[in-house]
C-alpha atoms as a PDB file:
ATOM      1  CA  MET A   1      11.065  -1.209   7.116  1.00  0.00           C
ATOM      2  CA  LEU A   2      14.246  -2.812   7.315  1.00  0.00           C
ATOM      3  CA  ALA A   3      15.084  -6.695   7.031  1.00  0.00           C
ATOM      4  CA  LEU A   4      18.413  -8.055   8.323  1.00  0.00           C
ATOM      5  CA  ALA A   5      20.709  -9.466   5.541  1.00  0.00           C
ATOM      6  CA  LEU A   6      24.236  -9.134   4.509  1.00  0.00           C
ATOM      7  CA  VAL A   7      24.691  -6.148   2.217  1.00  0.00           C
ATOM      8  CA  SER A   8      27.430  -5.948  -0.562  1.00  0.00           C
ATOM      9  CA  CYS A   9      29.368  -2.764  -0.168  1.00  0.00           C
ATOM     10  CA  GLY A  10      32.153  -2.086  -2.668  1.00  0.00           C
ATOM     11  CA  GLY A  11      32.340  -5.644  -3.620  1.00  0.00           C
ATOM     12  CA  GLU A  12      32.753  -6.753   0.153  1.00  0.00           C
ATOM     13  CA  ALA A  13      29.984  -8.280   1.874  1.00  0.00           C
ATOM     14  CA  ARG A  14      29.211  -6.937   5.275  1.00  0.00           C
ATOM     15  CA  SER A  15      26.678  -7.074   8.017  1.00  0.00           C
ATOM     16  CA  GLY A  16      23.624  -4.615   7.203  1.00  0.00           C
ATOM     17  CA  VAL A  17      20.075  -4.353   6.190  1.00  0.00           C
ATOM     18  CA  CYS A  18      17.934  -4.714   3.217  1.00  0.00           C
ATOM     19  CA  ALA A  19      14.769  -2.434   2.728  1.00  0.00           C
ATOM     20  CA  SER A  20      11.533  -3.758   3.321  1.00  0.00           C
ATOM     21  CA  ALA A  21      10.163  -5.804   0.291  1.00  0.00           C
ATOM     22  CA  SER A  22      13.788  -6.964  -0.564  1.00  0.00           C
ATOM     23  CA  SER A  23      15.710  -9.684   0.554  1.00  0.00           C
ATOM     24  CA  TRP A  24      19.559 -10.910   0.108  1.00  0.00           C
ATOM     25  CA  ASP A  25      19.679 -13.332  -2.860  1.00  0.00           C
ATOM     26  CA  GLY A  26      23.613 -14.160  -2.163  1.00  0.00           C
ATOM     27  CA  ALA A  27      25.020 -11.287  -3.828  1.00  0.00           C
ATOM     28  CA  ARG A  28      22.770  -8.480  -3.124  1.00  0.00           C
ATOM     29  CA  CYS A  29      19.552  -7.181  -1.908  1.00  0.00           C
ATOM     30  CA  SER A  30      16.654  -7.879  -4.534  1.00  0.00           C
ATOM     31  CA  ALA A  31      13.059  -6.529  -4.341  1.00  0.00           C
ATOM     32  CA  PHE A  32      10.517  -9.390  -4.093  1.00  0.00           C
ATOM     33  CA  ALA A  33       7.635  -6.801  -4.079  1.00  0.00           C
ATOM     34  CA  GLU A  34       6.430  -3.183  -4.350  1.00  0.00           C
ATOM     35  CA  ARG A  35       5.729  -1.907  -0.938  1.00  0.00           C
ATOM     36  CA  ILE A  36       2.747   0.713  -0.718  1.00  0.00           C
ATOM     37  CA  THR A  37       1.246   2.363   2.375  1.00  0.00           C
ATOM     38  CA  GLU A  38      -2.208   3.636   1.778  1.00  0.00           C
ATOM     39  CA  ARG A  39      -5.117   4.857   3.894  1.00  0.00           C
ATOM     40  CA  ALA A  40      -8.483   2.889   4.286  1.00  0.00           C
ATOM     41  CA  PRO A  41     -11.657   4.997   4.852  1.00  0.00           C
ATOM     42  CA  THR A  42     -13.851   3.904   7.734  1.00  0.00           C
ATOM     43  CA  PRO A  43     -17.350   4.788   8.819  1.00  0.00           C
ATOM     44  CA  PHE A  44     -16.039   5.740  12.146  1.00  0.00           C
ATOM     45  CA  VAL A  45     -15.825   9.123  13.801  1.00  0.00           C
ATOM     46  CA  GLU A  46     -13.790  10.049  16.595  1.00  0.00           C
ATOM     47  CA  ASP A  47     -13.663  13.359  18.457  1.00  0.00           C
ATOM     48  CA  GLY A  48     -15.370  14.865  15.182  1.00  0.00           C
ATOM     49  CA  ARG A  49     -12.785  13.474  13.033  1.00  0.00           C
ATOM     50  CA  SER A  50     -13.176  10.754  10.430  1.00  0.00           C
ATOM     51  CA  VAL A  51     -10.887   7.713  11.139  1.00  0.00           C
ATOM     52  CA  THR A  52      -8.779   5.890   8.442  1.00  0.00           C
ATOM     53  CA  LEU A  53      -6.575   3.143   8.708  1.00  0.00           C
ATOM     54  CA  GLU A  54      -2.954   2.378   7.820  1.00  0.00           C
ATOM     55  CA  VAL A  55      -2.620  -0.488   5.236  1.00  0.00           C
ATOM     56  CA  VAL A  56       0.635  -1.606   4.144  1.00  0.00           C
ATOM     57  CA  ILE A  57       0.674  -3.573   0.770  1.00  0.00           C
ATOM     58  CA  PHE A  58       3.400  -5.875  -0.810  1.00  0.00           C
ATOM     59  CA  LYS A  59       2.459  -6.200  -4.383  1.00  0.00           C
ATOM     60  CA  PRO A  60       3.958  -8.306  -6.950  1.00  0.00           C
ATOM     61  CA  PRO A  61       4.983  -7.024 -10.547  1.00  0.00           C
ATOM     62  CA  GLY A  62       2.271  -6.179 -12.915  1.00  0.00           C
ATOM     63  CA  PRO A  63      -1.229  -4.328 -12.915  1.00  0.00           C
ATOM     64  CA  GLY A  64      -3.195  -7.405 -11.617  1.00  0.00           C
ATOM     65  CA  PRO A  65      -5.976  -7.972 -10.727  1.00  0.00           C
ATOM     66  CA  PHE A  66      -4.275 -10.186  -8.166  1.00  0.00           C
ATOM     67  CA  PRO A  67      -5.581 -12.857  -5.762  1.00  0.00           C
ATOM     68  CA  ALA A  68      -4.990 -11.147  -2.478  1.00  0.00           C
ATOM     69  CA  VAL A  69      -4.331 -11.968   1.027  1.00  0.00           C
ATOM     70  CA  MET A  70      -5.496  -9.645   4.149  1.00  0.00           C
ATOM     71  CA  PHE A  71      -3.110 -10.282   7.041  1.00  0.00           C
ATOM     72  CA  HIS A  72      -4.181  -8.986  10.625  1.00  0.00           C
ATOM     73  CA  HIS A  73      -1.733  -8.294  13.176  1.00  0.00           C
ATOM     74  CA  GLY A  74      -1.769  -9.499  16.895  1.00  0.00           C
ATOM     75  CA  SER A  75      -1.640  -7.602  20.226  1.00  0.00           C
ATOM     76  CA  THR A  76       1.149  -5.947  21.847  1.00  0.00           C
ATOM     77  CA  GLY A  77       1.720  -8.603  24.531  1.00  0.00           C
ATOM     78  CA  ASN A  78       0.035  -7.417  27.713  1.00  0.00           C
ATOM     79  CA  GLY A  79      -0.959  -4.102  26.627  1.00  0.00           C
ATOM     80  CA  ASP A  80       0.907  -2.411  28.979  1.00  0.00           C
ATOM     81  CA  ASP A  81       3.571  -0.532  27.087  1.00  0.00           C
ATOM     82  CA  PRO A  82       1.642   2.242  24.936  1.00  0.00           C
ATOM     83  CA  SER A  83       4.930   2.695  22.880  1.00  0.00           C
ATOM     84  CA  LEU A  84       4.272  -0.394  21.162  1.00  0.00           C
ATOM     85  CA  PHE A  85       0.869   0.546  19.862  1.00  0.00           C
ATOM     86  CA  ALA A  86       2.473   2.969  17.398  1.00  0.00           C
ATOM     87  CA  LEU A  87       4.453   0.276  15.810  1.00  0.00           C
ATOM     88  CA  THR A  88       3.348  -0.583  12.147  1.00  0.00           C
ATOM     89  CA  TYR A  89       3.025  -4.506  11.979  1.00  0.00           C
ATOM     90  CA  THR A  90       4.227  -6.293   8.919  1.00  0.00           C
ATOM     91  CA  ASN A  91       6.103  -9.694   8.225  1.00  0.00           C
ATOM     92  CA  GLU A  92       8.567 -10.119   5.524  1.00  0.00           C
ATOM     93  CA  ALA A  93       8.477 -13.972   5.546  1.00  0.00           C
ATOM     94  CA  ILE A  94       4.675 -14.158   5.047  1.00  0.00           C
ATOM     95  CA  ALA A  95       4.890 -11.407   2.473  1.00  0.00           C
ATOM     96  CA  ARG A  96       7.545 -12.931   0.349  1.00  0.00           C
ATOM     97  CA  PHE A  97       5.621 -16.396   0.508  1.00  0.00           C
ATOM     98  CA  PHE A  98       2.640 -14.980  -0.964  1.00  0.00           C
ATOM     99  CA  VAL A  99       3.996 -12.516  -3.457  1.00  0.00           C
ATOM    100  CA  GLU A 100       6.353 -15.048  -4.800  1.00  0.00           C
ATOM    101  CA  ARG A 101       2.897 -17.234  -5.591  1.00  0.00           C
ATOM    102  CA  GLY A 102       1.475 -14.142  -7.200  1.00  0.00           C
ATOM    103  CA  PHE A 103      -0.673 -12.591  -4.388  1.00  0.00           C
ATOM    104  CA  LEU A 104      -1.009  -9.387  -3.203  1.00  0.00           C
ATOM    105  CA  ILE A 105      -0.773  -9.122   0.545  1.00  0.00           C
ATOM    106  CA  ALA A 106      -2.200  -6.234   2.644  1.00  0.00           C
ATOM    107  CA  PHE A 107      -1.628  -5.738   6.374  1.00  0.00           C
ATOM    108  CA  PRO A 108      -4.219  -3.447   7.754  1.00  0.00           C
ATOM    109  CA  GLN A 109      -3.465  -1.706  11.231  1.00  0.00           C
ATOM    110  CA  ARG A 110      -6.636  -1.712  13.399  1.00  0.00           C
ATOM    111  CA  ARG A 111      -7.825   1.516  15.026  1.00  0.00           C
ATOM    112  CA  GLY A 112      -5.167   2.978  17.428  1.00  0.00           C
ATOM    113  CA  ARG A 113      -2.215   0.756  16.016  1.00  0.00           C
ATOM    114  CA  GLY A 114       0.499   1.671  13.770  1.00  0.00           C
ATOM    115  CA  ALA A 115      -0.298   5.008  12.055  1.00  0.00           C
ATOM    116  CA  SER A 116      -4.106   4.208  11.914  1.00  0.00           C
ATOM    117  CA  ASP A 117      -6.330   6.861  13.566  1.00  0.00           C
ATOM    118  CA  GLY A 118      -8.604   6.535  16.335  1.00  0.00           C
ATOM    119  CA  VAL A 119      -8.301   4.899  19.944  1.00  0.00           C
ATOM    120  CA  TYR A 120      -6.999   1.340  20.295  1.00  0.00           C
ATOM    121  CA  ASP A 121      -9.647  -0.418  22.312  1.00  0.00           C
ATOM    122  CA  GLU A 122      -9.477  -4.195  22.153  1.00  0.00           C
ATOM    123  CA  GLY A 123     -10.371  -4.844  25.775  1.00  0.00           C
ATOM    124  CA  PHE A 124      -8.572  -3.103  28.521  1.00  0.00           C
ATOM    125  CA  THR A 125      -8.648  -2.628  32.145  1.00  0.00           C
ATOM    126  CA  PRO A 126     -10.845   0.253  33.280  1.00  0.00           C
ATOM    127  CA  ASP A 127      -7.474   2.209  33.940  1.00  0.00           C
ATOM    128  CA  ARG A 128      -5.967   1.151  30.598  1.00  0.00           C
ATOM    129  CA  SER A 129      -2.984   0.018  32.151  1.00  0.00           C
ATOM    130  CA  ARG A 130      -3.258  -3.342  30.299  1.00  0.00           C
ATOM    131  CA  TYR A 131      -5.430  -5.780  28.447  1.00  0.00           C
ATOM    132  CA  SER A 132      -8.400  -7.124  30.549  1.00  0.00           C
ATOM    133  CA  CYS A 133      -8.371 -11.096  31.504  1.00  0.00           C
ATOM    134  CA  VAL A 134     -12.194 -10.582  31.943  1.00  0.00           C
ATOM    135  CA  MET A 135     -14.683 -11.868  29.461  1.00  0.00           C
ATOM    136  CA  ALA A 136     -16.905  -8.852  28.970  1.00  0.00           C
ATOM    137  CA  PRO A 137     -14.429  -6.220  28.086  1.00  0.00           C
ATOM    138  CA  SER A 138     -12.314  -8.822  25.925  1.00  0.00           C
ATOM    139  CA  LEU A 139     -15.316  -9.675  23.948  1.00  0.00           C
ATOM    140  CA  ALA A 140     -16.414  -6.109  23.293  1.00  0.00           C
ATOM    141  CA  GLY A 141     -12.690  -5.378  22.360  1.00  0.00           C
ATOM    142  CA  PHE A 142     -13.003  -8.388  19.719  1.00  0.00           C
ATOM    143  CA  GLU A 143     -16.116  -6.762  18.227  1.00  0.00           C
ATOM    144  CA  HIS A 144     -14.285  -3.548  18.061  1.00  0.00           C
ATOM    145  CA  ALA A 145     -11.621  -5.244  16.008  1.00  0.00           C
ATOM    146  CA  MET A 146     -14.171  -6.944  13.782  1.00  0.00           C
ATOM    147  CA  ALA A 147     -15.409  -3.666  12.833  1.00  0.00           C
ATOM    148  CA  ASP A 148     -12.018  -2.511  11.766  1.00  0.00           C
ATOM    149  CA  VAL A 149     -11.620  -5.773   9.928  1.00  0.00           C
ATOM    150  CA  ASP A 150     -14.878  -5.069   8.015  1.00  0.00           C
ATOM    151  CA  ALA A 151     -13.524  -1.449   6.917  1.00  0.00           C
ATOM    152  CA  ALA A 152     -10.117  -3.081   5.729  1.00  0.00           C
ATOM    153  CA  HIS A 153     -11.916  -5.608   3.657  1.00  0.00           C
ATOM    154  CA  ARG A 154     -14.076  -2.983   1.959  1.00  0.00           C
ATOM    155  CA  TYR A 155     -10.986  -1.031   1.006  1.00  0.00           C
ATOM    156  CA  LEU A 156      -9.099  -4.219  -0.200  1.00  0.00           C
ATOM    157  CA  ILE A 157     -11.838  -5.638  -2.385  1.00  0.00           C
ATOM    158  CA  GLY A 158     -12.469  -2.046  -3.899  1.00  0.00           C
ATOM    159  CA  ARG A 159      -8.835  -1.749  -5.229  1.00  0.00           C
ATOM    160  CA  GLY A 160      -8.378  -2.191  -8.994  1.00  0.00           C
ATOM    161  CA  ASP A 161      -5.647  -4.525  -8.604  1.00  0.00           C
ATOM    162  CA  VAL A 162      -7.370  -6.965  -6.523  1.00  0.00           C
ATOM    163  CA  ASP A 163      -9.459  -9.964  -7.651  1.00  0.00           C
ATOM    164  CA  GLY A 164     -12.094  -9.751  -4.816  1.00  0.00           C
ATOM    165  CA  THR A 165     -13.275 -13.211  -5.462  1.00  0.00           C
ATOM    166  CA  ARG A 166     -10.080 -14.679  -4.681  1.00  0.00           C
ATOM    167  CA  LEU A 167      -9.340 -13.221  -1.143  1.00  0.00           C
ATOM    168  CA  LEU A 168      -7.973 -15.374   1.702  1.00  0.00           C
ATOM    169  CA  SER A 169      -7.978 -14.321   5.338  1.00  0.00           C
ATOM    170  CA  ALA A 170      -4.901 -14.613   7.673  1.00  0.00           C
ATOM    171  CA  GLY A 171      -3.495 -13.263  10.769  1.00  0.00           C
ATOM    172  CA  VAL A 172      -1.231 -14.117  13.375  1.00  0.00           C
ATOM    173  CA  SER A 173      -2.255 -14.188  17.297  1.00  0.00           C
ATOM    174  CA  ARG A 174      -5.286 -12.220  17.863  1.00  0.00           C
ATOM    175  CA  GLY A 175      -5.135 -11.754  14.058  1.00  0.00           C
ATOM    176  CA  GLY A 176      -5.294 -15.450  13.457  1.00  0.00           C
ATOM    177  CA  LEU A 177      -8.565 -15.687  15.426  1.00  0.00           C
ATOM    178  CA  LEU A 178      -9.941 -12.774  13.786  1.00  0.00           C
ATOM    179  CA  ALA A 179      -9.096 -14.266  10.480  1.00  0.00           C
ATOM    180  CA  VAL A 180     -11.191 -17.432  11.043  1.00  0.00           C
ATOM    181  CA  THR A 181     -13.916 -15.677  12.837  1.00  0.00           C
ATOM    182  CA  HIS A 182     -14.435 -12.973  10.397  1.00  0.00           C
ATOM    183  CA  ALA A 183     -14.402 -15.294   7.493  1.00  0.00           C
ATOM    184  CA  ALA A 184     -16.945 -17.340   9.518  1.00  0.00           C
ATOM    185  CA  GLU A 185     -19.452 -14.462  10.056  1.00  0.00           C
ATOM    186  CA  ARG A 186     -19.102 -12.729   6.760  1.00  0.00           C
ATOM    187  CA  PRO A 187     -20.070 -15.415   4.294  1.00  0.00           C
ATOM    188  CA  GLY A 188     -18.440 -15.187   0.967  1.00  0.00           C
ATOM    189  CA  VAL A 189     -15.668 -12.853   1.949  1.00  0.00           C
ATOM    190  CA  SER A 190     -12.901 -15.334   1.810  1.00  0.00           C
ATOM    191  CA  LEU A 191     -11.823 -18.736   0.096  1.00  0.00           C
ATOM    192  CA  GLY A 192     -10.178 -19.871   3.209  1.00  0.00           C
ATOM    193  CA  ALA A 193      -8.437 -18.677   6.742  1.00  0.00           C
ATOM    194  CA  ILE A 194      -4.826 -18.945   7.624  1.00  0.00           C
ATOM    195  CA  ASN A 195      -4.226 -19.084  11.459  1.00  0.00           C
ATOM    196  CA  PHE A 196      -0.795 -18.617  13.047  1.00  0.00           C
ATOM    197  CA  VAL A 197      -0.811 -19.124  16.698  1.00  0.00           C
ATOM    198  CA  GLY A 198      -4.332 -17.570  17.345  1.00  0.00           C
ATOM    199  CA  GLY A 199      -6.082 -16.759  20.394  1.00  0.00           C
ATOM    200  CA  TRP A 200      -7.447 -13.422  21.879  1.00  0.00           C
ATOM    201  CA  LEU A 201      -6.461 -13.892  25.580  1.00  0.00           C
ATOM    202  CA  SER A 202      -3.360 -15.892  27.023  1.00  0.00           C
ATOM    203  CA  GLU A 203      -4.646 -19.110  28.840  1.00  0.00           C
ATOM    204  CA  GLY A 204      -3.106 -17.650  32.171  1.00  0.00           C
ATOM    205  CA  CYS A 205      -5.774 -15.116  32.086  1.00  0.00           C
ATOM    206  CA  VAL A 206      -8.722 -16.037  34.363  1.00  0.00           C
ATOM    207  CA  ASP A 207     -11.163 -15.880  31.423  1.00  0.00           C
ATOM    208  CA  GLY A 208      -8.710 -16.612  28.695  1.00  0.00           C
ATOM    209  CA  PRO A 209      -9.568 -20.262  27.962  1.00  0.00           C
ATOM    210  CA  ALA A 210     -13.313 -19.474  27.911  1.00  0.00           C
ATOM    211  CA  VAL A 211     -12.971 -16.413  25.667  1.00  0.00           C
ATOM    212  CA  ASN A 212     -10.747 -18.334  23.222  1.00  0.00           C
ATOM    213  CA  ARG A 213     -13.163 -21.407  22.975  1.00  0.00           C
ATOM    214  CA  SER A 214     -16.271 -19.003  22.385  1.00  0.00           C
ATOM    215  CA  LEU A 215     -14.586 -17.201  19.654  1.00  0.00           C
ATOM    216  CA  PHE A 216     -13.153 -20.176  18.034  1.00  0.00           C
ATOM    217  CA  GLU A 217     -16.641 -21.966  18.331  1.00  0.00           C
ATOM    218  CA  ARG A 218     -17.969 -19.031  16.342  1.00  0.00           C
ATOM    219  CA  GLY A 219     -15.492 -19.523  13.660  1.00  0.00           C
ATOM    220  CA  GLY A 220     -16.616 -23.103  13.439  1.00  0.00           C
ATOM    221  CA  ARG A 221     -19.351 -21.919  11.119  1.00  0.00           C
ATOM    222  CA  LEU A 222     -16.915 -21.246   8.433  1.00  0.00           C
ATOM    223  CA  PRO A 223     -17.700 -23.731   5.406  1.00  0.00           C
ATOM    224  CA  SER A 224     -14.339 -22.936   3.857  1.00  0.00           C
ATOM    225  CA  PRO A 225     -11.029 -24.676   4.852  1.00  0.00           C
ATOM    226  CA  THR A 226      -8.673 -23.360   7.256  1.00  0.00           C
ATOM    227  CA  ILE A 227      -4.945 -23.959   8.428  1.00  0.00           C
ATOM    228  CA  TRP A 228      -3.797 -23.708  11.920  1.00  0.00           C
ATOM    229  CA  MET A 229       0.139 -23.298  12.567  1.00  0.00           C
ATOM    230  CA  TYR A 230       1.315 -23.411  16.010  1.00  0.00           C
ATOM    231  CA  GLY A 231       4.541 -23.446  17.811  1.00  0.00           C
ATOM    232  CA  GLU A 232       5.730 -25.552  20.922  1.00  0.00           C
ATOM    233  CA  ASN A 233       6.965 -23.478  23.975  1.00  0.00           C
ATOM    234  CA  ASP A 234       4.414 -20.584  23.282  1.00  0.00           C
ATOM    235  CA  THR A 235       4.472 -18.256  26.055  1.00  0.00           C
ATOM    236  CA  PHE A 236       0.795 -17.381  25.607  1.00  0.00           C
ATOM    237  CA  TYR A 237      -0.754 -20.737  24.368  1.00  0.00           C
ATOM    238  CA  SER A 238       0.448 -24.258  25.472  1.00  0.00           C
ATOM    239  CA  MET A 239       0.026 -26.587  22.384  1.00  0.00           C
ATOM    240  CA  ALA A 240      -2.698 -28.653  24.690  1.00  0.00           C
ATOM    241  CA  HIS A 241      -4.849 -25.390  24.904  1.00  0.00           C
ATOM    242  CA  SER A 242      -4.472 -24.468  21.201  1.00  0.00           C
ATOM    243  CA  ARG A 243      -5.323 -28.153  20.331  1.00  0.00           C
ATOM    244  CA  GLY A 244      -8.327 -27.841  22.603  1.00  0.00           C
ATOM    245  CA  ASN A 245      -9.392 -24.695  20.849  1.00  0.00           C
ATOM    246  CA  PHE A 246      -9.114 -26.581  17.526  1.00  0.00           C
ATOM    247  CA  ALA A 247     -11.231 -29.171  18.813  1.00  0.00           C
ATOM    248  CA  VAL A 248     -14.118 -26.825  19.789  1.00  0.00           C
ATOM    249  CA  PHE A 249     -13.867 -25.223  16.346  1.00  0.00           C
ATOM    250  CA  ALA A 250     -14.168 -28.648  14.698  1.00  0.00           C
ATOM    251  CA  GLY A 251     -17.059 -29.799  16.831  1.00  0.00           C
ATOM    252  CA  ALA A 252     -18.808 -26.843  15.614  1.00  0.00           C
ATOM    253  CA  GLY A 253     -18.608 -27.679  12.026  1.00  0.00           C
ATOM    254  CA  GLY A 254     -15.289 -25.993  11.097  1.00  0.00           C
ATOM    255  CA  ARG A 255     -12.878 -27.749   8.445  1.00  0.00           C
ATOM    256  CA  GLY A 256      -9.349 -27.435   9.005  1.00  0.00           C
ATOM    257  CA  THR A 257      -5.628 -29.034   9.597  1.00  0.00           C
ATOM    258  CA  PHE A 258      -3.463 -28.464  12.763  1.00  0.00           C
ATOM    259  CA  HIS A 259       0.039 -28.120  12.630  1.00  0.00           C
ATOM    260  CA  ALA A 260       2.674 -28.187  15.454  1.00  0.00           C
ATOM    261  CA  TYR A 261       6.362 -26.939  14.819  1.00  0.00           C
ATOM    262  CA  ALA A 262       9.227 -26.954  17.061  1.00  0.00           C
ATOM    263  CA  ARG A 263      11.539 -24.015  16.927  1.00  0.00           C
ATOM    264  CA  ALA A 264      15.228 -24.117  17.892  1.00  0.00           C
ATOM    265  CA  ALA A 265      15.830 -24.435  21.679  1.00  0.00           C
ATOM    266  CA  GLY A 266      14.987 -21.151  23.461  1.00  0.00           C
ATOM    267  CA  LEU A 267      12.816 -19.395  21.145  1.00  0.00           C
ATOM    268  CA  ASN A 268       9.166 -18.631  21.763  1.00  0.00           C
ATOM    269  CA  GLY A 269       6.802 -20.967  19.685  1.00  0.00           C
ATOM    270  CA  HIS A 270       4.354 -17.704  19.649  1.00  0.00           C
ATOM    271  CA  HIS A 271       6.930 -16.428  16.787  1.00  0.00           C
ATOM    272  CA  VAL A 272       6.913 -19.303  14.710  1.00  0.00           C
ATOM    273  CA  ILE A 273       5.886 -17.065  11.606  1.00  0.00           C
ATOM    274  CA  ASN A 274       9.360 -15.916  11.808  1.00  0.00           C
ATOM    275  CA  ASP A 275      10.407 -19.491  10.914  1.00  0.00           C
ATOM    276  CA  PRO A 276       9.289 -20.115   7.252  1.00  0.00           C
ATOM    277  CA  GLN A 277      11.348 -23.154   6.819  1.00  0.00           C
ATOM    278  CA  LEU A 278       8.887 -24.853   9.242  1.00  0.00           C
ATOM    279  CA  TRP A 279       5.582 -24.071   7.601  1.00  0.00           C
ATOM    280  CA  THR A 280       6.466 -23.262   4.031  1.00  0.00           C
ATOM    281  CA  ALA A 281       5.547 -26.779   2.847  1.00  0.00           C
ATOM    282  CA  ASP A 282       2.138 -27.140   4.634  1.00  0.00           C
ATOM    283  CA  LEU A 283       1.044 -23.457   3.742  1.00  0.00           C
ATOM    284  CA  ASP A 284       2.108 -24.204   0.300  1.00  0.00           C
ATOM    285  CA  ALA A 285      -0.005 -27.143   0.167  1.00  0.00           C
ATOM    286  CA  PHE A 286      -2.979 -25.453   1.313  1.00  0.00           C
ATOM    287  CA  VAL A 287      -2.872 -22.702  -0.952  1.00  0.00           C
ATOM    288  CA  ARG A 288      -2.553 -24.854  -3.758  1.00  0.00           C
ATOM    289  CA  GLU A 289      -5.278 -27.042  -2.955  1.00  0.00           C
ATOM    290  CA  LEU A 290      -7.660 -23.705  -2.728  1.00  0.00           C
ATOM    291  CA  GLU A 291      -6.476 -22.689  -6.102  1.00  0.00           C
ATOM    292  CA  ARG A 292      -7.351 -25.883  -7.757  1.00  0.00           C
END
């Protein structure tokens, strides 16, 4: 819940942190949103207990109802470090971008991730030592995630401070692919989809290219516009691979624009979302067009 900044202490700036939902304005940490953590009900029952999902919300000032963004997290890399499953994902850069434009943004944590209940089961090897690189369990894991997105969507549009007719689907990595395909297969849920470095399996996996192509092809049924934002030197997806996925999506009827960005030397392009100076103008133009 902390964001790196320079924090004023006794009139002297020093290295420190700003709390989540606030940022350094040149003199002090100033709040840009109200951060709320809630539980979303689901239809799932595991070990005889009802499952709820953790949802972190960044809310603009005022009562709303606000247009909203549902932002989906990615994987944990290779899936071989269970300690990472318990980390709650939010992103201050994307939260600030949307809140400053009057949007509420929600970060649902899928089953078994963050503080959500349930088992994290998005396509593992039989011994659960890491993510599977094989198509069948990977696609089953994708459907498991889609069911979680359904539950999060029902919760979000049921909030009194959300205008359910003005919802955007968004996400990063696995979440970017989920945003596109969920919006395509649930007609009317979203005005558009925002995809940061999306994919399901690393292209280095034996079935990675086939899995990613098949899922983005399903996303091609989405009639709404999309924006795809990828970084050079991504350790999971080369730019050629991602452009190929976009071509499959477009060939299936999908509408969108593809943007490639170069981060500073030595930085992993898979984390381009952390460089808002690269993508803000493009994403701003996309959102403004949707809001017209």
